[in-house]
C-alpha atoms as a PDB file:
ATOM      1  CA  MET A   1      56.703 -47.871 -67.895  1.00  0.00           C
ATOM      2  CA  VAL A   2      55.436 -44.320 -67.892  1.00  0.00           C
ATOM      3  CA  ARG A   3      57.973 -41.578 -68.415  1.00  0.00           C
ATOM      4  CA  GLN A   4      58.331 -38.019 -69.542  1.00  0.00           C
ATOM      5  CA  ARG A   5      60.325 -37.381 -72.714  1.00  0.00           C
ATOM      6  CA  SER A   6      63.729 -35.813 -72.040  1.00  0.00           C
ATOM      7  CA  VAL A   7      64.268 -32.337 -73.478  1.00  0.00           C
ATOM      8  CA  GLY A   8      67.541 -31.689 -71.632  1.00  0.00           C
ATOM      9  CA  GLU A   9      69.647 -31.740 -74.796  1.00  0.00           C
ATOM     10  CA  LYS A  10      67.400 -29.359 -76.703  1.00  0.00           C
ATOM     11  CA  PRO A  11      68.444 -25.695 -76.901  1.00  0.00           C
ATOM     12  CA  VAL A  12      66.555 -22.950 -75.092  1.00  0.00           C
ATOM     13  CA  ILE A  13      64.774 -20.937 -77.777  1.00  0.00           C
ATOM     14  CA  ALA A  14      61.926 -18.465 -78.089  1.00  0.00           C
ATOM     15  CA  ARG A  15      58.641 -20.258 -78.706  1.00  0.00           C
ATOM     16  CA  THR A  16      55.126 -19.021 -79.432  1.00  0.00           C
ATOM     17  CA  ALA A  17      51.860 -20.854 -79.963  1.00  0.00           C
ATOM     18  CA  VAL A  18      48.444 -19.414 -80.742  1.00  0.00           C
ATOM     19  CA  ALA A  19      45.299 -21.457 -80.182  1.00  0.00           C
ATOM     20  CA  GLU A  20      41.918 -20.383 -81.456  1.00  0.00           C
ATOM     21  CA  GLY A  21      38.496 -21.828 -80.895  1.00  0.00           C
ATOM     22  CA  ARG A  22      34.849 -21.111 -80.509  1.00  0.00           C
ATOM     23  CA  MET A  23      31.733 -22.005 -78.618  1.00  0.00           C
ATOM     24  CA  THR A  24      28.285 -21.997 -80.157  1.00  0.00           C
ATOM     25  CA  LEU A  25      25.482 -20.539 -78.044  1.00  0.00           C
ATOM     26  CA  SER A  26      21.947 -19.393 -78.658  1.00  0.00           C
ATOM     27  CA  ALA A  27      21.586 -15.878 -80.044  1.00  0.00           C
ATOM     28  CA  ALA A  28      19.742 -14.891 -76.853  1.00  0.00           C
ATOM     29  CA  THR A  29      22.660 -15.981 -74.679  1.00  0.00           C
ATOM     30  CA  ALA A  30      25.157 -14.128 -76.888  1.00  0.00           C
ATOM     31  CA  ARG A  31      22.998 -10.985 -76.529  1.00  0.00           C
ATOM     32  CA  ALA A  32      22.868 -11.430 -72.744  1.00  0.00           C
ATOM     33  CA  ILE A  33      26.675 -11.517 -72.647  1.00  0.00           C
ATOM     34  CA  VAL A  34      26.970  -8.356 -74.768  1.00  0.00           C
ATOM     35  CA  ARG A  35      24.355  -6.526 -72.689  1.00  0.00           C
ATOM     36  CA  GLY A  36      25.945  -7.488 -69.365  1.00  0.00           C
ATOM     37  CA  ARG A  37      22.925  -9.522 -68.270  1.00  0.00           C
ATOM     38  CA  VAL A  38      24.565 -12.727 -67.057  1.00  0.00           C
ATOM     39  CA  GLU A  39      23.736 -13.459 -63.400  1.00  0.00           C
ATOM     40  CA  LYS A  40      27.238 -14.614 -62.430  1.00  0.00           C
ATOM     41  CA  GLY A  41      28.910 -11.513 -63.901  1.00  0.00           C
ATOM     42  CA  ASP A  42      31.024 -10.910 -66.991  1.00  0.00           C
ATOM     43  CA  PRO A  43      31.794 -14.301 -68.563  1.00  0.00           C
ATOM     44  CA  LEU A  44      34.358 -12.818 -70.952  1.00  0.00           C
ATOM     45  CA  ALA A  45      36.462 -11.270 -68.175  1.00  0.00           C
ATOM     46  CA  ALA A  46      36.174 -14.404 -66.038  1.00  0.00           C
ATOM     47  CA  GLY A  47      37.016 -16.643 -69.002  1.00  0.00           C
ATOM     48  CA  GLU A  48      40.077 -14.636 -69.957  1.00  0.00           C
ATOM     49  CA  LEU A  49      41.426 -14.773 -66.409  1.00  0.00           C
ATOM     50  CA  ALA A  50      40.656 -18.493 -66.104  1.00  0.00           C
ATOM     51  CA  GLY A  51      42.462 -19.126 -69.396  1.00  0.00           C
ATOM     52  CA  LEU A  52      45.582 -17.331 -68.174  1.00  0.00           C
ATOM     53  CA  LEU A  53      45.586 -19.279 -64.922  1.00  0.00           C
ATOM     54  CA  ALA A  54      45.070 -22.562 -66.774  1.00  0.00           C
ATOM     55  CA  MET A  55      48.056 -21.915 -69.043  1.00  0.00           C
ATOM     56  CA  LYS A  56      50.286 -21.705 -65.980  1.00  0.00           C
ATOM     57  CA  ARG A  57      48.951 -25.000 -64.622  1.00  0.00           C
ATOM     58  CA  THR A  58      49.056 -27.082 -67.786  1.00  0.00           C
ATOM     59  CA  PRO A  59      51.615 -29.618 -66.456  1.00  0.00           C
ATOM     60  CA  GLU A  60      49.324 -30.296 -63.499  1.00  0.00           C
ATOM     61  CA  LEU A  61      46.517 -31.238 -65.896  1.00  0.00           C
ATOM     62  CA  ILE A  62      48.384 -33.025 -68.708  1.00  0.00           C
ATOM     63  CA  PRO A  63      50.709 -35.670 -67.219  1.00  0.00           C
ATOM     64  CA  HIS A  64      53.419 -35.674 -69.890  1.00  0.00           C
ATOM     65  CA  CYS A  65      53.749 -31.898 -70.243  1.00  0.00           C
ATOM     66  CA  HIS A  66      56.955 -30.316 -69.013  1.00  0.00           C
ATOM     67  CA  VAL A  67      56.897 -27.234 -66.821  1.00  0.00           C
ATOM     68  CA  VAL A  68      57.386 -24.380 -69.267  1.00  0.00           C
ATOM     69  CA  ARG A  69      58.554 -20.973 -68.130  1.00  0.00           C
ATOM     70  CA  LEU A  70      55.999 -18.731 -69.787  1.00  0.00           C
ATOM     71  CA  THR A  71      57.387 -15.298 -70.611  1.00  0.00           C
ATOM     72  CA  GLY A  72      54.077 -13.989 -71.845  1.00  0.00           C
ATOM     73  CA  SER A  73      50.511 -15.118 -72.297  1.00  0.00           C
ATOM     74  CA  ARG A  74      47.201 -13.596 -73.215  1.00  0.00           C
ATOM     75  CA  VAL A  75      43.651 -14.748 -73.771  1.00  0.00           C
ATOM     76  CA  GLU A  76      41.019 -12.795 -75.654  1.00  0.00           C
ATOM     77  CA  LEU A  77      37.343 -13.731 -75.832  1.00  0.00           C
ATOM     78  CA  THR A  78      34.955 -12.012 -78.228  1.00  0.00           C
ATOM     79  CA  THR A  79      31.252 -12.456 -78.783  1.00  0.00           C
ATOM     80  CA  ARG A  80      29.746 -13.461 -82.093  1.00  0.00           C
ATOM     81  CA  ALA A  81      26.101 -13.476 -83.157  1.00  0.00           C
ATOM     82  CA  ARG A  82      25.718 -17.070 -81.936  1.00  0.00           C
ATOM     83  CA  GLY A  83      28.598 -17.634 -79.587  1.00  0.00           C
ATOM     84  CA  VAL A  84      32.040 -16.732 -78.359  1.00  0.00           C
ATOM     85  CA  SER A  85      35.476 -16.957 -79.993  1.00  0.00           C
ATOM     86  CA  VAL A  86      38.795 -17.313 -78.182  1.00  0.00           C
ATOM     87  CA  ARG A  87      42.419 -16.599 -79.049  1.00  0.00           C
ATOM     88  CA  ALA A  88      45.091 -17.726 -76.575  1.00  0.00           C
ATOM     89  CA  VAL A  89      48.770 -16.875 -77.029  1.00  0.00           C
ATOM     90  CA  ALA A  90      51.561 -18.574 -75.066  1.00  0.00           C
ATOM     91  CA  GLU A  91      55.178 -17.424 -75.252  1.00  0.00           C
ATOM     92  CA  ALA A  92      58.263 -18.911 -73.604  1.00  0.00           C
ATOM     93  CA  LEU A  93      62.034 -19.163 -73.670  1.00  0.00           C
ATOM     94  CA  ASP A  94      62.427 -22.870 -73.105  1.00  0.00           C
ATOM     95  CA  ARG A  95      63.450 -26.294 -74.444  1.00  0.00           C
ATOM     96  CA  THR A  96      59.971 -27.457 -75.396  1.00  0.00           C
ATOM     97  CA  GLY A  97      56.935 -25.948 -77.060  1.00  0.00           C
ATOM     98  CA  VAL A  98      53.961 -24.097 -75.666  1.00  0.00           C
ATOM     99  CA  GLU A  99      51.191 -25.591 -77.805  1.00  0.00           C
ATOM    100  CA  MET A 100      49.556 -27.389 -74.905  1.00  0.00           C
ATOM    101  CA  GLU A 101      49.568 -24.216 -72.790  1.00  0.00           C
ATOM    102  CA  ALA A 102      47.794 -22.311 -75.564  1.00  0.00           C
ATOM    103  CA  LEU A 103      45.262 -25.126 -76.111  1.00  0.00           C
ATOM    104  CA  VAL A 104      44.537 -25.508 -72.390  1.00  0.00           C
ATOM    105  CA  GLY A 105      44.166 -21.738 -71.976  1.00  0.00           C
ATOM    106  CA  ALA A 106      41.726 -21.460 -74.877  1.00  0.00           C
ATOM    107  CA  THR A 107      39.666 -24.449 -73.780  1.00  0.00           C
ATOM    108  CA  VAL A 108      39.414 -23.442 -70.118  1.00  0.00           C
ATOM    109  CA  ALA A 109      38.437 -19.905 -71.156  1.00  0.00           C
ATOM    110  CA  LEU A 110      35.525 -21.288 -73.188  1.00  0.00           C
ATOM    111  CA  LEU A 111      34.527 -23.753 -70.470  1.00  0.00           C
ATOM    112  CA  THR A 112      34.397 -20.883 -67.979  1.00  0.00           C
ATOM    113  CA  VAL A 113      32.001 -18.990 -70.236  1.00  0.00           C
ATOM    114  CA  TRP A 114      29.880 -22.141 -70.578  1.00  0.00           C
ATOM    115  CA  ASP A 115      29.744 -22.517 -66.802  1.00  0.00           C
ATOM    116  CA  MET A 116      28.564 -18.938 -66.378  1.00  0.00           C
ATOM    117  CA  VAL A 117      25.841 -19.054 -69.061  1.00  0.00           C
ATOM    118  CA  LYS A 118      24.658 -22.658 -68.818  1.00  0.00           C
ATOM    119  CA  TYR A 119      21.469 -21.647 -66.993  1.00  0.00           C
ATOM    120  CA  LEU A 120      20.512 -19.651 -70.109  1.00  0.00           C
ATOM    121  CA  GLU A 121      21.278 -22.560 -72.436  1.00  0.00           C
ATOM    122  CA  LYS A 122      19.428 -25.402 -70.675  1.00  0.00           C
ATOM    123  CA  ASP A 123      16.346 -26.840 -72.280  1.00  0.00           C
ATOM    124  CA  GLY A 124      13.360 -28.361 -70.433  1.00  0.00           C
ATOM    125  CA  ARG A 125      15.250 -31.622 -69.871  1.00  0.00           C
ATOM    126  CA  GLY A 126      18.313 -29.882 -68.410  1.00  0.00           C
ATOM    127  CA  LEU A 127      20.418 -30.462 -71.542  1.00  0.00           C
ATOM    128  CA  TYR A 128      22.283 -28.025 -73.807  1.00  0.00           C
ATOM    129  CA  PRO A 129      21.086 -28.722 -77.353  1.00  0.00           C
ATOM    130  CA  ARG A 130      22.378 -25.443 -78.851  1.00  0.00           C
ATOM    131  CA  THR A 131      25.666 -25.309 -76.943  1.00  0.00           C
ATOM    132  CA  SER A 132      28.882 -26.770 -78.311  1.00  0.00           C
ATOM    133  CA  LEU A 133      32.578 -26.198 -77.879  1.00  0.00           C
ATOM    134  CA  GLY A 134      35.080 -26.460 -80.695  1.00  0.00           C
ATOM    135  CA  PRO A 135      36.986 -26.786 -82.711  1.00  0.00           C
ATOM    136  CA  VAL A 136      39.944 -25.555 -80.675  1.00  0.00           C
ATOM    137  CA  ARG A 137      43.199 -25.808 -82.588  1.00  0.00           C
ATOM    138  CA  ILE A 138      46.692 -24.425 -82.974  1.00  0.00           C
ATOM    139  CA  ARG A 139      46.750 -21.681 -85.596  1.00  0.00           C
ATOM    140  CA  VAL A 140      50.342 -20.455 -85.167  1.00  0.00           C
ATOM    141  CA  LYS A 141      53.529 -22.138 -83.947  1.00  0.00           C
ATOM    142  CA  ARG A 142      56.840 -20.283 -84.024  1.00  0.00           C
ATOM    143  CA  LYS A 143      60.336 -21.205 -82.883  1.00  0.00           C
ATOM    144  CA  GLY A 144      63.081 -18.596 -82.722  1.00  0.00           C
ATOM    145  CA  ARG A 145      66.813 -18.499 -82.188  1.00  0.00           C
ATOM    146  CA  ALA A 146      68.678 -20.273 -79.422  1.00  0.00           C
ATOM    147  CA  VAL A 147      69.193 -18.218 -76.277  1.00  0.00           C
ATOM    148  CA  ALA A 148      72.566 -18.142 -74.502  1.00  0.00           C
ATOM    149  CA  ALA A 149      72.316 -19.906 -71.148  1.00  0.00           C
END
């Protein structure tokens, strides 16, 4: 039997999760991002927006995730010499945590960047030998006080 874990008896409390991750790219691709020379547009802006949207849709992607009422979320992408870093923050007043929302937001943000720059990363065989994603992990998890219903 497949079922979702019950959280009905848990108190509503403030919850925050921060996921961080990175993607390794060639130095030339990282420079193209910084210089605004990516054909599809700004991969950082697109990735940040995609990450926010993904956070809101996490239960549609991960079968056992509960719908969490996000009260705040943000995604920040920054370039590095050989890649891109991400920080995704998910906040909620709810009965269950927001770790999955933060992880999904961070991962989708990086995947969006990959999609936009993959033409710069391909080798002669159509593969991506310099491109990798990860690790993506939870760096912060906070639970606050119970909220009156």
